[in-house]
Amino acid sequence: MSDEIIREVWQIKDAIGKEVNYDLRSLGAKLQKRQNYRAKQVVDLSLQRKRVVENLSAAHGRTSQLT
């Protein structure tokens, strides 16, 4: 079974390599573009985190230093 998994991983690796003509710079650019695209899909929790810190600070009589 593990041989099937390894074979499939190698097939995917070879397909991606073929897409970028086996060029590492092109591969890096492709992966970075993919990462940037997916990063836009992620939920941004910074506002909720800021509110929690502000609430905790207010409860303890402190002011928040977050902007």
PDB file of N, CA and C in Angstrom:
ATOM      1  N   MET A   1       0.817  -1.189   0.000  1.00  0.00           N
ATOM      2  CA  MET A   1       0.000   0.000   0.000  1.00  0.00           C
ATOM      3  C   MET A   1       0.860   1.251   0.000  1.00  0.00           C
ATOM      4  N   SER A   2       1.916   1.300   0.811  1.00  0.00           N
ATOM      5  CA  SER A   2       2.759   2.494   0.856  1.00  0.00           C
ATOM      6  C   SER A   2       3.434   2.728  -0.488  1.00  0.00           C
ATOM      7  N   ASP A   3       3.704   1.656  -1.231  1.00  0.00           N
ATOM      8  CA  ASP A   3       4.280   1.824  -2.566  1.00  0.00           C
ATOM      9  C   ASP A   3       3.314   2.569  -3.481  1.00  0.00           C
ATOM     10  N   GLU A   4       2.030   2.322  -3.337  1.00  0.00           N
ATOM     11  CA  GLU A   4       1.029   3.025  -4.147  1.00  0.00           C
ATOM     12  C   GLU A   4       1.014   4.510  -3.807  1.00  0.00           C
ATOM     13  N   ILE A   5       1.130   4.821  -2.538  1.00  0.00           N
ATOM     14  CA  ILE A   5       1.129   6.215  -2.102  1.00  0.00           C
ATOM     15  C   ILE A   5       2.379   6.917  -2.629  1.00  0.00           C
ATOM     16  N   ILE A   6       3.530   6.284  -2.474  1.00  0.00           N
ATOM     17  CA  ILE A   6       4.775   6.873  -2.957  1.00  0.00           C
ATOM     18  C   ILE A   6       4.717   7.057  -4.473  1.00  0.00           C
ATOM     19  N   ARG A   7       4.193   6.092  -5.170  1.00  0.00           N
ATOM     20  CA  ARG A   7       4.065   6.182  -6.626  1.00  0.00           C
ATOM     21  C   ARG A   7       3.175   7.376  -7.006  1.00  0.00           C
ATOM     22  N   GLU A   8       2.086   7.560  -6.285  1.00  0.00           N
ATOM     23  CA  GLU A   8       1.184   8.675  -6.570  1.00  0.00           C
ATOM     24  C   GLU A   8       1.857  10.020  -6.276  1.00  0.00           C
ATOM     25  N   VAL A   9       2.600  10.094  -5.176  1.00  0.00           N
ATOM     26  CA  VAL A   9       3.324  11.327  -4.841  1.00  0.00           C
ATOM     27  C   VAL A   9       4.339  11.643  -5.932  1.00  0.00           C
ATOM     28  N   TRP A  10       5.061  10.648  -6.405  1.00  0.00           N
ATOM     29  CA  TRP A  10       6.039  10.864  -7.468  1.00  0.00           C
ATOM     30  C   TRP A  10       5.357  11.319  -8.763  1.00  0.00           C
ATOM     31  N   GLN A  11       4.201  10.758  -9.064  1.00  0.00           N
ATOM     32  CA  GLN A  11       3.469  11.172 -10.261  1.00  0.00           C
ATOM     33  C   GLN A  11       3.056  12.638 -10.164  1.00  0.00           C
ATOM     34  N   ILE A  12       2.587  13.048  -9.004  1.00  0.00           N
ATOM     35  CA  ILE A  12       2.194  14.447  -8.795  1.00  0.00           C
ATOM     36  C   ILE A  12       3.423  15.344  -8.909  1.00  0.00           C
ATOM     37  N   LYS A  13       4.520  14.931  -8.280  1.00  0.00           N
ATOM     38  CA  LYS A  13       5.771  15.688  -8.339  1.00  0.00           C
ATOM     39  C   LYS A  13       6.235  15.840  -9.789  1.00  0.00           C
ATOM     40  N   ASP A  14       6.190  14.762 -10.544  1.00  0.00           N
ATOM     41  CA  ASP A  14       6.603  14.819 -11.943  1.00  0.00           C
ATOM     42  C   ASP A  14       5.683  15.703 -12.780  1.00  0.00           C
ATOM     43  N   ALA A  15       4.395  15.665 -12.505  1.00  0.00           N
ATOM     44  CA  ALA A  15       3.440  16.495 -13.247  1.00  0.00           C
ATOM     45  C   ALA A  15       3.698  17.977 -12.971  1.00  0.00           C
ATOM     46  N   ILE A  16       3.953  18.321 -11.710  1.00  0.00           N
ATOM     47  CA  ILE A  16       4.243  19.714 -11.375  1.00  0.00           C
ATOM     48  C   ILE A  16       5.565  20.133 -12.010  1.00  0.00           C
ATOM     49  N   GLY A  17       6.558  19.279 -11.951  1.00  0.00           N
ATOM     50  CA  GLY A  17       7.849  19.574 -12.578  1.00  0.00           C
ATOM     51  C   GLY A  17       7.709  19.814 -14.063  1.00  0.00           C
ATOM     52  N   LYS A  18       6.912  18.998 -14.709  1.00  0.00           N
ATOM     53  CA  LYS A  18       6.697  19.144 -16.145  1.00  0.00           C
ATOM     54  C   LYS A  18       6.011  20.473 -16.467  1.00  0.00           C
ATOM     55  N   GLU A  19       5.061  20.892 -15.600  1.00  0.00           N
ATOM     56  CA  GLU A  19       4.351  22.162 -15.801  1.00  0.00           C
ATOM     57  C   GLU A  19       5.299  23.350 -15.833  1.00  0.00           C
ATOM     58  N   VAL A  20       6.373  23.287 -15.052  1.00  0.00           N
ATOM     59  CA  VAL A  20       7.303  24.416 -14.955  1.00  0.00           C
ATOM     60  C   VAL A  20       8.611  24.136 -15.700  1.00  0.00           C
ATOM     61  N   ASN A  21       8.595  23.153 -16.578  1.00  0.00           N
ATOM     62  CA  ASN A  21       9.781  22.787 -17.374  1.00  0.00           C
ATOM     63  C   ASN A  21      10.973  22.406 -16.492  1.00  0.00           C
ATOM     64  N   TYR A  22      10.695  21.865 -15.332  1.00  0.00           N
ATOM     65  CA  TYR A  22      11.699  21.424 -14.363  1.00  0.00           C
ATOM     66  C   TYR A  22      12.642  22.560 -13.954  1.00  0.00           C
ATOM     67  N   ASP A  23      12.129  23.795 -13.956  1.00  0.00           N
ATOM     68  CA  ASP A  23      12.899  24.980 -13.590  1.00  0.00           C
ATOM     69  C   ASP A  23      12.552  25.366 -12.150  1.00  0.00           C
ATOM     70  N   LEU A  24      13.577  25.406 -11.286  1.00  0.00           N
ATOM     71  CA  LEU A  24      13.326  25.674  -9.866  1.00  0.00           C
ATOM     72  C   LEU A  24      12.787  27.074  -9.621  1.00  0.00           C
ATOM     73  N   ARG A  25      13.257  28.066 -10.373  1.00  0.00           N
ATOM     74  CA  ARG A  25      12.742  29.428 -10.202  1.00  0.00           C
ATOM     75  C   ARG A  25      11.262  29.488 -10.564  1.00  0.00           C
ATOM     76  N   SER A  26      10.899  28.832 -11.637  1.00  0.00           N
ATOM     77  CA  SER A  26       9.490  28.803 -12.041  1.00  0.00           C
ATOM     78  C   SER A  26       8.653  28.063 -11.009  1.00  0.00           C
ATOM     79  N   LEU A  27       9.214  27.000 -10.480  1.00  0.00           N
ATOM     80  CA  LEU A  27       8.505  26.243  -9.446  1.00  0.00           C
ATOM     81  C   LEU A  27       8.290  27.113  -8.212  1.00  0.00           C
ATOM     82  N   GLY A  28       9.338  27.827  -7.791  1.00  0.00           N
ATOM     83  CA  GLY A  28       9.211  28.717  -6.641  1.00  0.00           C
ATOM     84  C   GLY A  28       8.154  29.787  -6.868  1.00  0.00           C
ATOM     85  N   ALA A  29       8.161  30.388  -8.063  1.00  0.00           N
ATOM     86  CA  ALA A  29       7.174  31.426  -8.387  1.00  0.00           C
ATOM     87  C   ALA A  29       5.768  30.844  -8.379  1.00  0.00           C
ATOM     88  N   LYS A  30       5.616  29.648  -8.923  1.00  0.00           N
ATOM     89  CA  LYS A  30       4.298  29.008  -8.959  1.00  0.00           C
ATOM     90  C   LYS A  30       3.793  28.723  -7.545  1.00  0.00           C
ATOM     91  N   LEU A  31       4.680  28.204  -6.700  1.00  0.00           N
ATOM     92  CA  LEU A  31       4.272  27.886  -5.332  1.00  0.00           C
ATOM     93  C   LEU A  31       3.963  29.151  -4.536  1.00  0.00           C
ATOM     94  N   GLN A  32       4.745  30.212  -4.759  1.00  0.00           N
ATOM     95  CA  GLN A  32       4.480  31.459  -4.041  1.00  0.00           C
ATOM     96  C   GLN A  32       3.156  32.063  -4.495  1.00  0.00           C
ATOM     97  N   LYS A  33       2.887  32.015  -5.790  1.00  0.00           N
ATOM     98  CA  LYS A  33       1.619  32.524  -6.300  1.00  0.00           C
ATOM     99  C   LYS A  33       0.455  31.736  -5.701  1.00  0.00           C
ATOM    100  N   ARG A  34       0.625  30.438  -5.625  1.00  0.00           N
ATOM    101  CA  ARG A  34      -0.419  29.576  -5.049  1.00  0.00           C
ATOM    102  C   ARG A  34      -0.633  29.906  -3.570  1.00  0.00           C
ATOM    103  N   GLN A  35       0.479  30.126  -2.862  1.00  0.00           N
ATOM    104  CA  GLN A  35       0.388  30.460  -1.439  1.00  0.00           C
ATOM    105  C   GLN A  35      -0.307  31.803  -1.261  1.00  0.00           C
ATOM    106  N   ASN A  36       0.049  32.795  -2.066  1.00  0.00           N
ATOM    107  CA  ASN A  36      -0.565  34.116  -1.961  1.00  0.00           C
ATOM    108  C   ASN A  36      -2.052  34.040  -2.268  1.00  0.00           C
ATOM    109  N   TYR A  37      -2.422  33.233  -3.258  1.00  0.00           N
ATOM    110  CA  TYR A  37      -3.831  33.074  -3.608  1.00  0.00           C
ATOM    111  C   TYR A  37      -4.596  32.471  -2.435  1.00  0.00           C
ATOM    112  N   ARG A  38      -4.025  31.452  -1.859  1.00  0.00           N
ATOM    113  CA  ARG A  38      -4.709  30.777  -0.754  1.00  0.00           C
ATOM    114  C   ARG A  38      -4.734  31.634   0.499  1.00  0.00           C
ATOM    115  N   ALA A  39      -3.733  32.482   0.678  1.00  0.00           N
ATOM    116  CA  ALA A  39      -3.698  33.344   1.855  1.00  0.00           C
ATOM    117  C   ALA A  39      -4.895  34.290   1.859  1.00  0.00           C
ATOM    118  N   LYS A  40      -5.376  34.645   0.693  1.00  0.00           N
ATOM    119  CA  LYS A  40      -6.534  35.525   0.608  1.00  0.00           C
ATOM    120  C   LYS A  40      -7.808  34.802   1.039  1.00  0.00           C
ATOM    121  N   GLN A  41      -7.760  33.500   1.028  1.00  0.00           N
ATOM    122  CA  GLN A  41      -8.927  32.697   1.365  1.00  0.00           C
ATOM    123  C   GLN A  41      -9.054  32.471   2.880  1.00  0.00           C
ATOM    124  N   VAL A  42      -8.016  32.777   3.624  1.00  0.00           N
ATOM    125  CA  VAL A  42      -7.979  32.498   5.053  1.00  0.00           C
ATOM    126  C   VAL A  42      -8.727  33.587   5.817  1.00  0.00           C
ATOM    127  N   VAL A  43      -9.391  33.197   6.859  1.00  0.00           N
ATOM    128  CA  VAL A  43     -10.134  34.136   7.709  1.00  0.00           C
ATOM    129  C   VAL A  43      -9.134  34.955   8.510  1.00  0.00           C
ATOM    130  N   ASP A  44      -9.348  36.261   8.566  1.00  0.00           N
ATOM    131  CA  ASP A  44      -8.488  37.156   9.333  1.00  0.00           C
ATOM    132  C   ASP A  44      -9.098  37.355  10.716  1.00  0.00           C
ATOM    133  N   LEU A  45      -8.437  36.857  11.723  1.00  0.00           N
ATOM    134  CA  LEU A  45      -8.951  36.924  13.085  1.00  0.00           C
ATOM    135  C   LEU A  45      -8.305  38.055  13.886  1.00  0.00           C
ATOM    136  N   SER A  46      -7.535  38.915  13.230  1.00  0.00           N
ATOM    137  CA  SER A  46      -6.819  39.944  13.976  1.00  0.00           C
ATOM    138  C   SER A  46      -7.763  40.904  14.688  1.00  0.00           C
ATOM    139  N   LEU A  47      -8.900  41.251  14.084  1.00  0.00           N
ATOM    140  CA  LEU A  47      -9.837  42.156  14.749  1.00  0.00           C
ATOM    141  C   LEU A  47     -10.446  41.511  15.991  1.00  0.00           C
ATOM    142  N   GLN A  48     -10.817  40.237  15.891  1.00  0.00           N
ATOM    143  CA  GLN A  48     -11.365  39.546  17.059  1.00  0.00           C
ATOM    144  C   GLN A  48     -10.311  39.427  18.154  1.00  0.00           C
ATOM    145  N   ARG A  49      -9.066  39.138  17.753  1.00  0.00           N
ATOM    146  CA  ARG A  49      -7.984  39.011  18.717  1.00  0.00           C
ATOM    147  C   ARG A  49      -7.761  40.352  19.421  1.00  0.00           C
ATOM    148  N   LYS A  50      -7.806  41.444  18.649  1.00  0.00           N
ATOM    149  CA  LYS A  50      -7.626  42.773  19.225  1.00  0.00           C
ATOM    150  C   LYS A  50      -8.734  43.072  20.235  1.00  0.00           C
ATOM    151  N   ARG A  51      -9.973  42.714  19.898  1.00  0.00           N
ATOM    152  CA  ARG A  51     -11.095  42.950  20.816  1.00  0.00           C
ATOM    153  C   ARG A  51     -10.924  42.166  22.116  1.00  0.00           C
ATOM    154  N   VAL A  52     -10.464  40.930  22.004  1.00  0.00           N
ATOM    155  CA  VAL A  52     -10.259  40.110  23.200  1.00  0.00           C
ATOM    156  C   VAL A  52      -9.195  40.746  24.089  1.00  0.00           C
ATOM    157  N   VAL A  53      -8.100  41.197  23.482  1.00  0.00           N
ATOM    158  CA  VAL A  53      -7.035  41.822  24.260  1.00  0.00           C
ATOM    159  C   VAL A  53      -7.547  43.103  24.903  1.00  0.00           C
ATOM    160  N   GLU A  54      -8.306  43.899  24.154  1.00  0.00           N
ATOM    161  CA  GLU A  54      -8.858  45.145  24.706  1.00  0.00           C
ATOM    162  C   GLU A  54      -9.802  44.850  25.866  1.00  0.00           C
ATOM    163  N   ASN A  55     -10.640  43.833  25.714  1.00  0.00           N
ATOM    164  CA  ASN A  55     -11.572  43.467  26.785  1.00  0.00           C
ATOM    165  C   ASN A  55     -10.833  42.993  28.031  1.00  0.00           C
ATOM    166  N   LEU A  56      -9.794  42.191  27.823  1.00  0.00           N
ATOM    167  CA  LEU A  56      -9.008  41.721  28.962  1.00  0.00           C
ATOM    168  C   LEU A  56      -8.284  42.886  29.636  1.00  0.00           C
ATOM    169  N   SER A  57      -7.740  43.780  28.824  1.00  0.00           N
ATOM    170  CA  SER A  57      -7.035  44.935  29.370  1.00  0.00           C
ATOM    171  C   SER A  57      -8.000  45.831  30.142  1.00  0.00           C
ATOM    172  N   ALA A  58      -9.181  46.064  29.595  1.00  0.00           N
ATOM    173  CA  ALA A  58     -10.178  46.899  30.266  1.00  0.00           C
ATOM    174  C   ALA A  58     -10.610  46.268  31.584  1.00  0.00           C
ATOM    175  N   ALA A  59     -10.724  44.963  31.583  1.00  0.00           N
ATOM    176  CA  ALA A  59     -11.140  44.272  32.800  1.00  0.00           C
ATOM    177  C   ALA A  59     -10.076  44.382  33.898  1.00  0.00           C
ATOM    178  N   HIS A  60      -8.814  44.563  33.465  1.00  0.00           N
ATOM    179  CA  HIS A  60      -7.730  44.668  34.440  1.00  0.00           C
ATOM    180  C   HIS A  60      -7.285  46.126  34.626  1.00  0.00           C
ATOM    181  N   GLY A  61      -8.040  47.064  34.019  1.00  0.00           N
ATOM    182  CA  GLY A  61      -7.738  48.474  34.186  1.00  0.00           C
ATOM    183  C   GLY A  61      -6.540  48.961  33.411  1.00  0.00           C
ATOM    184  N   ARG A  62      -6.190  48.266  32.320  1.00  0.00           N
ATOM    185  CA  ARG A  62      -5.044  48.667  31.486  1.00  0.00           C
ATOM    186  C   ARG A  62      -5.548  49.160  30.154  1.00  0.00           C
ATOM    187  N   THR A  63      -4.689  49.872  29.445  1.00  0.00           N
ATOM    188  CA  THR A  63      -5.034  50.297  28.082  1.00  0.00           C
ATOM    189  C   THR A  63      -4.300  49.391  27.112  1.00  0.00           C
ATOM    190  N   SER A  64      -4.923  49.134  25.972  1.00  0.00           N
ATOM    191  CA  SER A  64      -4.344  48.257  24.958  1.00  0.00           C
ATOM    192  C   SER A  64      -3.294  49.000  24.159  1.00  0.00           C
ATOM    193  N   GLN A  65      -2.218  48.333  23.815  1.00  0.00           N
ATOM    194  CA  GLN A  65      -1.160  48.914  23.003  1.00  0.00           C
ATOM    195  C   GLN A  65      -1.260  48.482  21.550  1.00  0.00           C
ATOM    196  N   LEU A  66      -2.286  47.700  21.194  1.00  0.00           N
ATOM    197  CA  LEU A  66      -2.452  47.226  19.822  1.00  0.00           C
ATOM    198  C   LEU A  66      -3.056  48.307  18.947  1.00  0.00           C
ATOM    199  N   THR A  67      -2.627  48.297  17.681  1.00  0.00           N
ATOM    200  CA  THR A  67      -3.222  49.234  16.714  1.00  0.00           C
ATOM    201  C   THR A  67      -3.859  48.457  15.611  1.00  0.00           C
TER     202      THR A  67
END
